[in-house]
Amino acid sequence: MQTTTFDTALGLFGIGWTEHGLARVLLPDTTQKAMLDRLERGGALPGEPTRMISALMDRIEDYAEGRPVTFSATQLDLSSVPDFHRRAYERLLQVEWGQTLTYGELARELGDVNLSRAVGQAMGANPMPLVIPCHRVLAGNGKPGGFSAPGGTRTKLTMLALEGVHVGAPAGQLNFGF
């Protein structure tokens, strides 16, 4: 895997890619050293971004500046991802800017509401947060639910607020301020 880091309005992002597509996204961390330590796990090496990766970096920069973007057409390398997680991620790629759904709704769409815990585990293992928008999956009680990226739930709430989603409104609904 090849990697690079780049600055955005939200902080330093890290990404990794293979010949098959994007394989890793790291959200801003507390320090550059922490980011690089996480990014280089598994023998990943710094690389020169391809056109696809450069375009993705531009879209992430736009996102960080509050511009609506979509990542659904991004070529992903999900070869090391379990099948259930892959199915969950493929569904999540259809959840657009400002939209949300609950863990239970996603579980139901994947075959059984009793899979909610498995959905939570898939979200926690997401190798490409933001691009695979696990931050858009909320708890059924209108609360944010967990978030395993640096900053935890605070980061999730920041990302949702950037998209105009105010947690506490029913899942799937935006708060338009009126």
C-alpha atoms as a PDB file:
ATOM      1  CA  MET A   1       0.000   0.000   0.000  1.00  0.00           C
ATOM      2  CA  GLN A   2       1.150   3.526  -0.792  1.00  0.00           C
ATOM      3  CA  THR A   3       0.228   6.428   1.457  1.00  0.00           C
ATOM      4  CA  THR A   4       0.222  10.186   1.733  1.00  0.00           C
ATOM      5  CA  THR A   5      -0.984  12.870   4.106  1.00  0.00           C
ATOM      6  CA  PHE A   6      -2.502  16.242   3.269  1.00  0.00           C
ATOM      7  CA  ASP A   7      -3.858  19.257   5.126  1.00  0.00           C
ATOM      8  CA  THR A   8      -7.506  20.254   5.112  1.00  0.00           C
ATOM      9  CA  ALA A   9      -9.655  22.749   6.985  1.00  0.00           C
ATOM     10  CA  LEU A  10     -10.383  19.917   9.466  1.00  0.00           C
ATOM     11  CA  GLY A  11      -6.733  18.974   9.935  1.00  0.00           C
ATOM     12  CA  LEU A  12      -4.270  16.477   8.540  1.00  0.00           C
ATOM     13  CA  PHE A  13      -5.798  13.504   6.689  1.00  0.00           C
ATOM     14  CA  GLY A  14      -3.993  10.306   5.713  1.00  0.00           C
ATOM     15  CA  ILE A  15      -4.898   7.995   2.852  1.00  0.00           C
ATOM     16  CA  GLY A  16      -3.593   4.718   1.525  1.00  0.00           C
ATOM     17  CA  TRP A  17      -4.186   3.029  -1.810  1.00  0.00           C
ATOM     18  CA  THR A  18      -3.294  -0.072  -3.767  1.00  0.00           C
ATOM     19  CA  GLU A  19      -3.433  -0.875  -7.460  1.00  0.00           C
ATOM     20  CA  HIS A  20      -7.083  -1.858  -6.825  1.00  0.00           C
ATOM     21  CA  GLY A  21      -8.178   1.452  -5.322  1.00  0.00           C
ATOM     22  CA  LEU A  22      -8.467   3.363  -2.077  1.00  0.00           C
ATOM     23  CA  ALA A  23      -7.726   1.120   0.910  1.00  0.00           C
ATOM     24  CA  ARG A  24      -7.416   3.420   3.928  1.00  0.00           C
ATOM     25  CA  VAL A  25      -8.524   6.850   5.126  1.00  0.00           C
ATOM     26  CA  LEU A  26      -7.361   8.284   8.419  1.00  0.00           C
ATOM     27  CA  LEU A  27      -9.218  11.216   9.893  1.00  0.00           C
ATOM     28  CA  PRO A  28      -7.240  13.990  11.578  1.00  0.00           C
ATOM     29  CA  ASP A  29      -5.424  12.860  14.717  1.00  0.00           C
ATOM     30  CA  THR A  30      -3.976  14.727  17.652  1.00  0.00           C
ATOM     31  CA  THR A  31      -0.454  14.901  16.222  1.00  0.00           C
ATOM     32  CA  GLN A  32       1.273  14.358  12.901  1.00  0.00           C
ATOM     33  CA  LYS A  33       3.391  11.632  14.516  1.00  0.00           C
ATOM     34  CA  ALA A  34       0.253   9.754  15.632  1.00  0.00           C
ATOM     35  CA  MET A  35      -1.144  10.074  12.101  1.00  0.00           C
ATOM     36  CA  LEU A  36       2.037   8.746  10.508  1.00  0.00           C
ATOM     37  CA  ASP A  37       2.293   5.873  13.012  1.00  0.00           C
ATOM     38  CA  ARG A  38      -1.254   4.770  12.174  1.00  0.00           C
ATOM     39  CA  LEU A  39      -0.789   5.284   8.440  1.00  0.00           C
ATOM     40  CA  GLU A  40       2.405   3.212   8.230  1.00  0.00           C
ATOM     41  CA  ARG A  41       0.963   0.121   9.957  1.00  0.00           C
ATOM     42  CA  GLY A  42       1.305  -3.067   7.977  1.00  0.00           C
ATOM     43  CA  GLY A  43       4.324  -1.918   6.000  1.00  0.00           C
ATOM     44  CA  ALA A  44       2.630   0.880   4.052  1.00  0.00           C
ATOM     45  CA  LEU A  45       5.061   3.249   2.337  1.00  0.00           C
ATOM     46  CA  PRO A  46       4.782   6.875   1.214  1.00  0.00           C
ATOM     47  CA  GLY A  47       3.834   7.178  -2.455  1.00  0.00           C
ATOM     48  CA  GLU A  48       3.015   9.649  -5.187  1.00  0.00           C
ATOM     49  CA  PRO A  49      -0.776  10.018  -5.501  1.00  0.00           C
ATOM     50  CA  THR A  50      -2.359   8.743  -8.698  1.00  0.00           C
ATOM     51  CA  ARG A  51      -4.871  10.909 -10.583  1.00  0.00           C
ATOM     52  CA  MET A  52      -7.712   9.124  -8.828  1.00  0.00           C
ATOM     53  CA  ILE A  53      -6.130   9.696  -5.417  1.00  0.00           C
ATOM     54  CA  SER A  54      -5.376  13.358  -6.207  1.00  0.00           C
ATOM     55  CA  ALA A  55      -9.014  13.881  -7.236  1.00  0.00           C
ATOM     56  CA  LEU A  56     -10.150  12.177  -4.023  1.00  0.00           C
ATOM     57  CA  MET A  57      -7.877  14.436  -1.984  1.00  0.00           C
ATOM     58  CA  ASP A  58      -9.505  17.448  -3.679  1.00  0.00           C
ATOM     59  CA  ARG A  59     -12.978  16.142  -2.766  1.00  0.00           C
ATOM     60  CA  ILE A  60     -11.910  15.569   0.851  1.00  0.00           C
ATOM     61  CA  GLU A  61     -10.559  19.141   0.968  1.00  0.00           C
ATOM     62  CA  ASP A  62     -13.902  20.381  -0.419  1.00  0.00           C
ATOM     63  CA  TYR A  63     -15.749  18.343   2.219  1.00  0.00           C
ATOM     64  CA  ALA A  64     -13.613  19.847   4.982  1.00  0.00           C
ATOM     65  CA  GLU A  65     -14.562  23.314   3.721  1.00  0.00           C
ATOM     66  CA  GLY A  66     -18.256  22.478   3.969  1.00  0.00           C
ATOM     67  CA  ARG A  67     -18.960  21.851   0.297  1.00  0.00           C
ATOM     68  CA  PRO A  68     -21.317  18.939  -0.444  1.00  0.00           C
ATOM     69  CA  VAL A  69     -19.415  16.133  -2.143  1.00  0.00           C
ATOM     70  CA  THR A  70     -19.986  12.496  -2.952  1.00  0.00           C
ATOM     71  CA  PHE A  71     -17.516   9.658  -2.687  1.00  0.00           C
ATOM     72  CA  SER A  72     -19.755   6.928  -4.110  1.00  0.00           C
ATOM     73  CA  ALA A  73     -17.807   6.646  -7.380  1.00  0.00           C
ATOM     74  CA  THR A  74     -14.447   6.222  -5.641  1.00  0.00           C
ATOM     75  CA  GLN A  75     -12.712   2.995  -6.603  1.00  0.00           C
ATOM     76  CA  LEU A  76     -12.246   1.063  -3.347  1.00  0.00           C
ATOM     77  CA  ASP A  77     -10.011  -1.857  -2.461  1.00  0.00           C
ATOM     78  CA  LEU A  78     -12.194  -3.883  -0.095  1.00  0.00           C
ATOM     79  CA  SER A  79     -10.295  -7.123  -0.693  1.00  0.00           C
ATOM     80  CA  SER A  80      -9.370  -7.548   2.973  1.00  0.00           C
ATOM     81  CA  VAL A  81     -12.846  -6.695   4.289  1.00  0.00           C
ATOM     82  CA  PRO A  82     -15.258  -9.418   5.505  1.00  0.00           C
ATOM     83  CA  ASP A  83     -18.338  -9.973   3.320  1.00  0.00           C
ATOM     84  CA  PHE A  84     -20.867  -8.590   5.825  1.00  0.00           C
ATOM     85  CA  HIS A  85     -18.800  -5.436   6.298  1.00  0.00           C
ATOM     86  CA  ARG A  86     -18.492  -5.049   2.519  1.00  0.00           C
ATOM     87  CA  ARG A  87     -22.272  -5.266   2.137  1.00  0.00           C
ATOM     88  CA  ALA A  88     -22.755  -2.662   4.872  1.00  0.00           C
ATOM     89  CA  TYR A  89     -20.175  -0.344   3.295  1.00  0.00           C
ATOM     90  CA  GLU A  90     -21.719  -0.696  -0.161  1.00  0.00           C
ATOM     91  CA  ARG A  91     -25.077   0.374   1.273  1.00  0.00           C
ATOM     92  CA  LEU A  92     -23.488   3.275   3.128  1.00  0.00           C
ATOM     93  CA  LEU A  93     -21.967   4.618  -0.076  1.00  0.00           C
ATOM     94  CA  GLN A  94     -25.544   5.430  -1.111  1.00  0.00           C
ATOM     95  CA  VAL A  95     -26.122   7.643   1.966  1.00  0.00           C
ATOM     96  CA  GLU A  96     -25.451  11.137   0.718  1.00  0.00           C
ATOM     97  CA  TRP A  97     -24.376  14.413   2.285  1.00  0.00           C
ATOM     98  CA  GLY A  98     -26.794  15.418   5.067  1.00  0.00           C
ATOM     99  CA  GLN A  99     -28.607  12.067   5.179  1.00  0.00           C
ATOM    100  CA  THR A 100     -28.505   9.630   8.077  1.00  0.00           C
ATOM    101  CA  LEU A 101     -29.869   6.245   9.040  1.00  0.00           C
ATOM    102  CA  THR A 102     -29.799   4.195  12.216  1.00  0.00           C
ATOM    103  CA  TYR A 103     -27.838   1.066  13.030  1.00  0.00           C
ATOM    104  CA  GLY A 104     -31.180  -0.784  13.150  1.00  0.00           C
ATOM    105  CA  GLU A 105     -32.314   0.536   9.760  1.00  0.00           C
ATOM    106  CA  LEU A 106     -29.046  -0.522   8.173  1.00  0.00           C
ATOM    107  CA  ALA A 107     -29.267  -3.934   9.851  1.00  0.00           C
ATOM    108  CA  ARG A 108     -32.833  -4.380   8.571  1.00  0.00           C
ATOM    109  CA  GLU A 109     -31.723  -3.466   5.037  1.00  0.00           C
ATOM    110  CA  LEU A 110     -28.959  -6.064   5.336  1.00  0.00           C
ATOM    111  CA  GLY A 111     -31.451  -8.748   6.281  1.00  0.00           C
ATOM    112  CA  ASP A 112     -32.315  -8.636   9.993  1.00  0.00           C
ATOM    113  CA  VAL A 113     -32.705  -5.910  12.627  1.00  0.00           C
ATOM    114  CA  ASN A 114     -30.917  -8.302  15.012  1.00  0.00           C
ATOM    115  CA  LEU A 115     -27.733  -7.572  13.041  1.00  0.00           C
ATOM    116  CA  SER A 116     -27.512  -4.105  14.647  1.00  0.00           C
ATOM    117  CA  ARG A 117     -24.541  -5.118  16.792  1.00  0.00           C
ATOM    118  CA  ALA A 118     -22.775  -6.554  13.714  1.00  0.00           C
ATOM    119  CA  VAL A 119     -23.470  -3.272  11.906  1.00  0.00           C
ATOM    120  CA  GLY A 120     -21.850  -1.406  14.801  1.00  0.00           C
ATOM    121  CA  GLN A 121     -18.817  -3.663  14.576  1.00  0.00           C
ATOM    122  CA  ALA A 122     -18.569  -3.067  10.819  1.00  0.00           C
ATOM    123  CA  MET A 123     -18.758   0.702  11.386  1.00  0.00           C
ATOM    124  CA  GLY A 124     -15.994   0.481  14.008  1.00  0.00           C
ATOM    125  CA  ALA A 125     -13.790  -1.480  11.606  1.00  0.00           C
ATOM    126  CA  ASN A 126     -14.385   0.849   8.630  1.00  0.00           C
ATOM    127  CA  PRO A 127     -11.001   1.315   6.949  1.00  0.00           C
ATOM    128  CA  MET A 128     -12.149   4.407   5.049  1.00  0.00           C
ATOM    129  CA  PRO A 129     -14.226   6.696   7.291  1.00  0.00           C
ATOM    130  CA  LEU A 130     -15.694   9.707   5.513  1.00  0.00           C
ATOM    131  CA  VAL A 131     -15.427   8.030   2.097  1.00  0.00           C
ATOM    132  CA  ILE A 132     -17.519   5.162   3.496  1.00  0.00           C
ATOM    133  CA  PRO A 133     -19.674   7.486   5.608  1.00  0.00           C
ATOM    134  CA  CYS A 134     -20.049   5.562   8.864  1.00  0.00           C
ATOM    135  CA  HIS A 135     -20.462   8.913  10.639  1.00  0.00           C
ATOM    136  CA  ARG A 136     -23.957   9.029   9.092  1.00  0.00           C
ATOM    137  CA  VAL A 137     -25.132   5.982  11.070  1.00  0.00           C
ATOM    138  CA  LEU A 138     -26.872   6.963  14.301  1.00  0.00           C
ATOM    139  CA  ALA A 139     -28.246   5.158  17.332  1.00  0.00           C
ATOM    140  CA  GLY A 140     -31.984   4.482  17.266  1.00  0.00           C
ATOM    141  CA  ASN A 141     -32.652   6.859  20.155  1.00  0.00           C
ATOM    142  CA  GLY A 142     -31.592   9.925  18.163  1.00  0.00           C
ATOM    143  CA  LYS A 143     -28.159   9.960  19.797  1.00  0.00           C
ATOM    144  CA  PRO A 144     -24.952   9.787  17.793  1.00  0.00           C
ATOM    145  CA  GLY A 145     -23.852   6.299  18.788  1.00  0.00           C
ATOM    146  CA  GLY A 146     -20.177   5.391  18.803  1.00  0.00           C
ATOM    147  CA  PHE A 147     -17.324   6.504  16.588  1.00  0.00           C
ATOM    148  CA  SER A 148     -13.925   4.829  16.693  1.00  0.00           C
ATOM    149  CA  ALA A 149     -11.928   7.519  14.845  1.00  0.00           C
ATOM    150  CA  PRO A 150      -9.718   9.944  16.779  1.00  0.00           C
ATOM    151  CA  GLY A 151     -11.878  12.330  18.765  1.00  0.00           C
ATOM    152  CA  GLY A 152     -14.657   9.747  19.033  1.00  0.00           C
ATOM    153  CA  THR A 153     -18.217  11.024  19.124  1.00  0.00           C
ATOM    154  CA  ARG A 154     -17.020  14.646  19.084  1.00  0.00           C
ATOM    155  CA  THR A 155     -15.508  14.062  15.635  1.00  0.00           C
ATOM    156  CA  LYS A 156     -18.708  12.359  14.436  1.00  0.00           C
ATOM    157  CA  LEU A 157     -20.824  15.301  15.630  1.00  0.00           C
ATOM    158  CA  THR A 158     -18.464  17.775  13.931  1.00  0.00           C
ATOM    159  CA  MET A 159     -18.745  15.906  10.637  1.00  0.00           C
ATOM    160  CA  LEU A 160     -22.527  15.703  10.881  1.00  0.00           C
ATOM    161  CA  ALA A 161     -22.820  19.406  11.763  1.00  0.00           C
ATOM    162  CA  LEU A 162     -20.667  20.247   8.730  1.00  0.00           C
ATOM    163  CA  GLU A 163     -23.331  18.469   6.653  1.00  0.00           C
ATOM    164  CA  GLY A 164     -26.181  20.311   8.386  1.00  0.00           C
ATOM    165  CA  VAL A 165     -27.261  17.353  10.501  1.00  0.00           C
ATOM    166  CA  HIS A 166     -28.028  18.130  14.117  1.00  0.00           C
ATOM    167  CA  VAL A 167     -28.201  15.000  16.198  1.00  0.00           C
ATOM    168  CA  GLY A 168     -31.402  14.899  18.165  1.00  0.00           C
ATOM    169  CA  ALA A 169     -33.510  15.394  15.032  1.00  0.00           C
ATOM    170  CA  PRO A 170     -35.060  12.107  13.856  1.00  0.00           C
ATOM    171  CA  ALA A 171     -32.611  10.008  11.843  1.00  0.00           C
ATOM    172  CA  GLY A 172     -32.891  10.804   8.154  1.00  0.00           C
ATOM    173  CA  GLN A 173     -34.084  14.348   8.841  1.00  0.00           C
ATOM    174  CA  LEU A 174     -32.167  17.573   8.547  1.00  0.00           C
ATOM    175  CA  ASN A 175     -32.572  20.496  10.866  1.00  0.00           C
ATOM    176  CA  PHE A 176     -33.238  23.517   8.684  1.00  0.00           C
ATOM    177  CA  GLY A 177     -33.470  25.963  11.596  1.00  0.00           C
ATOM    178  CA  PHE A 178     -37.217  26.585  11.428  1.00  0.00           C
END
